[in-house]
Amino acid sequence: MEIDLIDYIIDYESGTLSDQDTLQMFSYIIKTGKAWSLQGHYGRTASSLIEDGWLDRQGNILKELY
């Protein structure tokens, strides 16, 4: 999946990104390793999504939002 990460981050930080798109964005940044090099919030949120069972450690989405 190729995404425009800058646009996703801008939308995420402005609160306009949908929940499904947020999950996809975090999936992408985990898969690419960017979750651990962006500001701390992204790594903490990625870790929470993994711990809560939404994503696995490789960034695969485990649950879908409906």
PDB file of N, CA and C in Angstrom:
ATOM      1  N   MET A   1       0.861  -1.176   0.000  1.00  0.00           N
ATOM      2  CA  MET A   1       0.000   0.000   0.000  1.00  0.00           C
ATOM      3  C   MET A   1       0.906   1.238   0.000  1.00  0.00           C
ATOM      4  N   GLU A   2       0.734   2.074  -0.969  1.00  0.00           N
ATOM      5  CA  GLU A   2       1.486   3.326  -1.018  1.00  0.00           C
ATOM      6  C   GLU A   2       0.533   4.459  -0.657  1.00  0.00           C
ATOM      7  N   ILE A   3       0.895   5.241   0.314  1.00  0.00           N
ATOM      8  CA  ILE A   3       0.046   6.357   0.735  1.00  0.00           C
ATOM      9  C   ILE A   3       0.870   7.633   0.762  1.00  0.00           C
ATOM     10  N   ASP A   4       0.188   8.753   0.721  1.00  0.00           N
ATOM     11  CA  ASP A   4       0.858  10.038   0.883  1.00  0.00           C
ATOM     12  C   ASP A   4       0.888  10.332   2.377  1.00  0.00           C
ATOM     13  N   LEU A   5       1.968   9.928   3.014  1.00  0.00           N
ATOM     14  CA  LEU A   5       2.061   9.981   4.469  1.00  0.00           C
ATOM     15  C   LEU A   5       1.915  11.400   5.006  1.00  0.00           C
ATOM     16  N   ILE A   6       2.479  12.368   4.324  1.00  0.00           N
ATOM     17  CA  ILE A   6       2.389  13.749   4.815  1.00  0.00           C
ATOM     18  C   ILE A   6       0.934  14.199   4.867  1.00  0.00           C
ATOM     19  N   ASP A   7       0.156  13.907   3.822  1.00  0.00           N
ATOM     20  CA  ASP A   7      -1.265  14.270   3.835  1.00  0.00           C
ATOM     21  C   ASP A   7      -2.004  13.540   4.955  1.00  0.00           C
ATOM     22  N   TYR A   8      -1.691  12.259   5.142  1.00  0.00           N
ATOM     23  CA  TYR A   8      -2.339  11.497   6.214  1.00  0.00           C
ATOM     24  C   TYR A   8      -2.015  12.108   7.575  1.00  0.00           C
ATOM     25  N   ILE A   9      -0.760  12.469   7.791  1.00  0.00           N
ATOM     26  CA  ILE A   9      -0.360  13.040   9.077  1.00  0.00           C
ATOM     27  C   ILE A   9      -1.042  14.380   9.310  1.00  0.00           C
ATOM     28  N   ILE A  10      -1.105  15.211   8.273  1.00  0.00           N
ATOM     29  CA  ILE A  10      -1.784  16.505   8.408  1.00  0.00           C
ATOM     30  C   ILE A  10      -3.248  16.291   8.775  1.00  0.00           C
ATOM     31  N   ASP A  11      -3.920  15.383   8.066  1.00  0.00           N
ATOM     32  CA  ASP A  11      -5.329  15.102   8.371  1.00  0.00           C
ATOM     33  C   ASP A  11      -5.485  14.497   9.758  1.00  0.00           C
ATOM     34  N   TYR A  12      -4.579  13.601  10.147  1.00  0.00           N
ATOM     35  CA  TYR A  12      -4.622  12.976  11.469  1.00  0.00           C
ATOM     36  C   TYR A  12      -4.473  14.029  12.563  1.00  0.00           C
ATOM     37  N   GLU A  13      -3.487  14.891  12.399  1.00  0.00           N
ATOM     38  CA  GLU A  13      -3.230  15.893  13.438  1.00  0.00           C
ATOM     39  C   GLU A  13      -4.303  16.976  13.486  1.00  0.00           C
ATOM     40  N   SER A  14      -5.019  17.174  12.381  1.00  0.00           N
ATOM     41  CA  SER A  14      -6.098  18.167  12.390  1.00  0.00           C
ATOM     42  C   SER A  14      -7.431  17.534  12.802  1.00  0.00           C
ATOM     43  N   GLY A  15      -7.436  16.216  13.013  1.00  0.00           N
ATOM     44  CA  GLY A  15      -8.637  15.535  13.478  1.00  0.00           C
ATOM     45  C   GLY A  15      -9.644  15.216  12.389  1.00  0.00           C
ATOM     46  N   THR A  16      -9.224  15.258  11.132  1.00  0.00           N
ATOM     47  CA  THR A  16     -10.167  15.000  10.042  1.00  0.00           C
ATOM     48  C   THR A  16      -9.991  13.629   9.402  1.00  0.00           C
ATOM     49  N   LEU A  17      -9.062  12.830   9.878  1.00  0.00           N
ATOM     50  CA  LEU A  17      -8.837  11.496   9.322  1.00  0.00           C
ATOM     51  C   LEU A  17      -9.841  10.524   9.935  1.00  0.00           C
ATOM     52  N   SER A  18     -10.493   9.730   9.106  1.00  0.00           N
ATOM     53  CA  SER A  18     -11.467   8.761   9.616  1.00  0.00           C
ATOM     54  C   SER A  18     -10.755   7.698  10.454  1.00  0.00           C
ATOM     55  N   ASP A  19     -11.527   6.986  11.263  1.00  0.00           N
ATOM     56  CA  ASP A  19     -10.944   5.919  12.089  1.00  0.00           C
ATOM     57  C   ASP A  19     -10.290   4.851  11.218  1.00  0.00           C
ATOM     58  N   GLN A  20     -10.947   4.477  10.118  1.00  0.00           N
ATOM     59  CA  GLN A  20     -10.397   3.452   9.222  1.00  0.00           C
ATOM     60  C   GLN A  20      -9.099   3.940   8.582  1.00  0.00           C
ATOM     61  N   ASP A  21      -9.068   5.192   8.143  1.00  0.00           N
ATOM     62  CA  ASP A  21      -7.845   5.736   7.554  1.00  0.00           C
ATOM     63  C   ASP A  21      -6.740   5.861   8.599  1.00  0.00           C
ATOM     64  N   THR A  22      -7.099   6.167   9.836  1.00  0.00           N
ATOM     65  CA  THR A  22      -6.113   6.233  10.914  1.00  0.00           C
ATOM     66  C   THR A  22      -5.488   4.863  11.132  1.00  0.00           C
ATOM     67  N   LEU A  23      -6.305   3.825  11.144  1.00  0.00           N
ATOM     68  CA  LEU A  23      -5.800   2.470  11.301  1.00  0.00           C
ATOM     69  C   LEU A  23      -4.877   2.107  10.137  1.00  0.00           C
ATOM     70  N   GLN A  24      -5.258   2.479   8.926  1.00  0.00           N
ATOM     71  CA  GLN A  24      -4.418   2.200   7.756  1.00  0.00           C
ATOM     72  C   GLN A  24      -3.102   2.975   7.820  1.00  0.00           C
ATOM     73  N   MET A  25      -3.166   4.219   8.281  1.00  0.00           N
ATOM     74  CA  MET A  25      -1.947   5.010   8.404  1.00  0.00           C
ATOM     75  C   MET A  25      -0.991   4.368   9.404  1.00  0.00           C
ATOM     76  N   PHE A  26      -1.512   3.950  10.562  1.00  0.00           N
ATOM     77  CA  PHE A  26      -0.639   3.332  11.556  1.00  0.00           C
ATOM     78  C   PHE A  26      -0.121   1.988  11.072  1.00  0.00           C
ATOM     79  N   SER A  27      -0.917   1.259  10.329  1.00  0.00           N
ATOM     80  CA  SER A  27      -0.448   0.022   9.710  1.00  0.00           C
ATOM     81  C   SER A  27       0.754   0.320   8.816  1.00  0.00           C
ATOM     82  N   TYR A  28       0.628   1.323   7.994  1.00  0.00           N
ATOM     83  CA  TYR A  28       1.697   1.717   7.071  1.00  0.00           C
ATOM     84  C   TYR A  28       2.957   2.151   7.815  1.00  0.00           C
ATOM     85  N   ILE A  29       2.813   2.998   8.831  1.00  0.00           N
ATOM     86  CA  ILE A  29       4.023   3.485   9.498  1.00  0.00           C
ATOM     87  C   ILE A  29       4.697   2.408  10.346  1.00  0.00           C
ATOM     88  N   ILE A  30       3.939   1.409  10.789  1.00  0.00           N
ATOM     89  CA  ILE A  30       4.569   0.271  11.468  1.00  0.00           C
ATOM     90  C   ILE A  30       5.320  -0.570  10.440  1.00  0.00           C
ATOM     91  N   LYS A  31       4.666  -0.875   9.307  1.00  0.00           N
ATOM     92  CA  LYS A  31       5.297  -1.703   8.271  1.00  0.00           C
ATOM     93  C   LYS A  31       6.586  -1.081   7.749  1.00  0.00           C
ATOM     94  N   THR A  32       6.627   0.233   7.644  1.00  0.00           N
ATOM     95  CA  THR A  32       7.806   0.914   7.110  1.00  0.00           C
ATOM     96  C   THR A  32       8.822   1.268   8.188  1.00  0.00           C
ATOM     97  N   GLY A  33       8.474   1.078   9.457  1.00  0.00           N
ATOM     98  CA  GLY A  33       9.373   1.408  10.556  1.00  0.00           C
ATOM     99  C   GLY A  33       9.335   2.875  10.964  1.00  0.00           C
ATOM    100  N   LYS A  34       8.532   3.671  10.281  1.00  0.00           N
ATOM    101  CA  LYS A  34       8.455   5.097  10.586  1.00  0.00           C
ATOM    102  C   LYS A  34       7.804   5.378  11.946  1.00  0.00           C
ATOM    103  N   ALA A  35       7.006   4.445  12.432  1.00  0.00           N
ATOM    104  CA  ALA A  35       6.327   4.652  13.720  1.00  0.00           C
ATOM    105  C   ALA A  35       7.334   4.890  14.839  1.00  0.00           C
ATOM    106  N   TRP A  36       8.512   4.329  14.684  1.00  0.00           N
ATOM    107  CA  TRP A  36       9.504   4.389  15.750  1.00  0.00           C
ATOM    108  C   TRP A  36      10.485   5.550  15.560  1.00  0.00           C
ATOM    109  N   SER A  37      10.365   6.277  14.436  1.00  0.00           N
ATOM    110  CA  SER A  37      11.266   7.410  14.212  1.00  0.00           C
ATOM    111  C   SER A  37      10.537   8.753  14.173  1.00  0.00           C
ATOM    112  N   LEU A  38       9.205   8.736  14.074  1.00  0.00           N
ATOM    113  CA  LEU A  38       8.429   9.967  14.165  1.00  0.00           C
ATOM    114  C   LEU A  38       8.366  10.397  15.628  1.00  0.00           C
ATOM    115  N   GLN A  39       7.747  11.528  15.901  1.00  0.00           N
ATOM    116  CA  GLN A  39       7.644  11.984  17.290  1.00  0.00           C
ATOM    117  C   GLN A  39       6.998  10.906  18.160  1.00  0.00           C
ATOM    118  N   GLY A  40       7.248  10.955  19.440  1.00  0.00           N
ATOM    119  CA  GLY A  40       6.866   9.907  20.373  1.00  0.00           C
ATOM    120  C   GLY A  40       5.412   9.484  20.352  1.00  0.00           C
ATOM    121  N   HIS A  41       4.502  10.412  20.087  1.00  0.00           N
ATOM    122  CA  HIS A  41       3.077  10.092  20.063  1.00  0.00           C
ATOM    123  C   HIS A  41       2.778   8.946  19.095  1.00  0.00           C
ATOM    124  N   TYR A  42       3.436   8.951  17.939  1.00  0.00           N
ATOM    125  CA  TYR A  42       3.159   7.940  16.923  1.00  0.00           C
ATOM    126  C   TYR A  42       3.607   6.559  17.371  1.00  0.00           C
ATOM    127  N   GLY A  43       4.767   6.472  17.984  1.00  0.00           N
ATOM    128  CA  GLY A  43       5.245   5.196  18.511  1.00  0.00           C
ATOM    129  C   GLY A  43       4.376   4.690  19.645  1.00  0.00           C
ATOM    130  N   ARG A  44       3.968   5.598  20.533  1.00  0.00           N
ATOM    131  CA  ARG A  44       3.094   5.189  21.651  1.00  0.00           C
ATOM    132  C   ARG A  44       1.745   4.725  21.136  1.00  0.00           C
ATOM    133  N   THR A  45       1.184   5.443  20.168  1.00  0.00           N
ATOM    134  CA  THR A  45      -0.115   5.060  19.621  1.00  0.00           C
ATOM    135  C   THR A  45       0.004   3.741  18.858  1.00  0.00           C
ATOM    136  N   ALA A  46       1.068   3.577  18.095  1.00  0.00           N
ATOM    137  CA  ALA A  46       1.288   2.316  17.387  1.00  0.00           C
ATOM    138  C   ALA A  46       1.383   1.162  18.388  1.00  0.00           C
ATOM    139  N   SER A  47       2.123   1.354  19.458  1.00  0.00           N
ATOM    140  CA  SER A  47       2.236   0.315  20.487  1.00  0.00           C
ATOM    141  C   SER A  47       0.886  -0.005  21.107  1.00  0.00           C
ATOM    142  N   SER A  48       0.077   1.019  21.349  1.00  0.00           N
ATOM    143  CA  SER A  48      -1.260   0.795  21.914  1.00  0.00           C
ATOM    144  C   SER A  48      -2.144   0.017  20.950  1.00  0.00           C
ATOM    145  N   LEU A  49      -2.078   0.344  19.670  1.00  0.00           N
ATOM    146  CA  LEU A  49      -2.880  -0.376  18.679  1.00  0.00           C
ATOM    147  C   LEU A  49      -2.454  -1.841  18.589  1.00  0.00           C
ATOM    148  N   ILE A  50      -1.168  -2.104  18.767  1.00  0.00           N
ATOM    149  CA  ILE A  50      -0.674  -3.485  18.789  1.00  0.00           C
ATOM    150  C   ILE A  50      -1.154  -4.187  20.053  1.00  0.00           C
ATOM    151  N   GLU A  51      -0.974  -3.552  21.195  1.00  0.00           N
ATOM    152  CA  GLU A  51      -1.374  -4.154  22.468  1.00  0.00           C
ATOM    153  C   GLU A  51      -2.882  -4.406  22.537  1.00  0.00           C
ATOM    154  N   ASP A  52      -3.670  -3.527  21.919  1.00  0.00           N
ATOM    155  CA  ASP A  52      -5.130  -3.670  21.934  1.00  0.00           C
ATOM    156  C   ASP A  52      -5.646  -4.623  20.858  1.00  0.00           C
ATOM    157  N   GLY A  53      -4.754  -5.199  20.063  1.00  0.00           N
ATOM    158  CA  GLY A  53      -5.142  -6.215  19.091  1.00  0.00           C
ATOM    159  C   GLY A  53      -5.651  -5.690  17.760  1.00  0.00           C
ATOM    160  N   TRP A  54      -5.474  -4.405  17.488  1.00  0.00           N
ATOM    161  CA  TRP A  54      -5.903  -3.849  16.193  1.00  0.00           C
ATOM    162  C   TRP A  54      -4.899  -4.161  15.095  1.00  0.00           C
ATOM    163  N   LEU A  55      -3.615  -4.146  15.454  1.00  0.00           N
ATOM    164  CA  LEU A  55      -2.528  -4.394  14.509  1.00  0.00           C
ATOM    165  C   LEU A  55      -1.568  -5.401  15.120  1.00  0.00           C
ATOM    166  N   ASP A  56      -0.869  -6.159  14.250  1.00  0.00           N
ATOM    167  CA  ASP A  56       0.190  -7.011  14.790  1.00  0.00           C
ATOM    168  C   ASP A  56       1.513  -6.254  14.697  1.00  0.00           C
ATOM    169  N   ARG A  57       2.572  -6.855  15.190  1.00  0.00           N
ATOM    170  CA  ARG A  57       3.866  -6.168  15.249  1.00  0.00           C
ATOM    171  C   ARG A  57       4.455  -5.876  13.869  1.00  0.00           C
ATOM    172  N   GLN A  58       3.947  -6.540  12.841  1.00  0.00           N
ATOM    173  CA  GLN A  58       4.395  -6.284  11.478  1.00  0.00           C
ATOM    174  C   GLN A  58       3.542  -5.209  10.796  1.00  0.00           C
ATOM    175  N   GLY A  59       2.483  -4.742  11.482  1.00  0.00           N
ATOM    176  CA  GLY A  59       1.629  -3.699  10.935  1.00  0.00           C
ATOM    177  C   GLY A  59       0.393  -4.197  10.213  1.00  0.00           C
ATOM    178  N   ASN A  60       0.172  -5.498  10.232  1.00  0.00           N
ATOM    179  CA  ASN A  60      -1.029  -6.039   9.589  1.00  0.00           C
ATOM    180  C   ASN A  60      -2.261  -5.710  10.423  1.00  0.00           C
ATOM    181  N   ILE A  61      -3.327  -5.319   9.741  1.00  0.00           N
ATOM    182  CA  ILE A  61      -4.579  -4.998  10.425  1.00  0.00           C
ATOM    183  C   ILE A  61      -5.271  -6.297  10.818  1.00  0.00           C
ATOM    184  N   LEU A  62      -5.583  -6.445  12.100  1.00  0.00           N
ATOM    185  CA  LEU A  62      -6.188  -7.669  12.623  1.00  0.00           C
ATOM    186  C   LEU A  62      -7.701  -7.557  12.770  1.00  0.00           C
ATOM    187  N   LYS A  63      -8.200  -6.326  12.946  1.00  0.00           N
ATOM    188  CA  LYS A  63      -9.646  -6.091  13.110  1.00  0.00           C
ATOM    189  C   LYS A  63     -10.050  -4.960  12.181  1.00  0.00           C
ATOM    190  N   GLU A  64     -11.197  -5.079  11.600  1.00  0.00           N
ATOM    191  CA  GLU A  64     -11.723  -4.023  10.750  1.00  0.00           C
ATOM    192  C   GLU A  64     -12.760  -3.212  11.497  1.00  0.00           C
ATOM    193  N   LEU A  65     -12.807  -1.946  11.200  1.00  0.00           N
ATOM    194  CA  LEU A  65     -13.847  -1.073  11.745  1.00  0.00           C
ATOM    195  C   LEU A  65     -15.048  -1.136  10.825  1.00  0.00           C
ATOM    196  N   TYR A  66     -16.219  -1.098  11.397  1.00  0.00           N
ATOM    197  CA  TYR A  66     -17.439  -1.150  10.558  1.00  0.00           C
ATOM    198  C   TYR A  66     -18.220   0.111  10.669  1.00  0.00           C
TER     199      TYR A  66
END
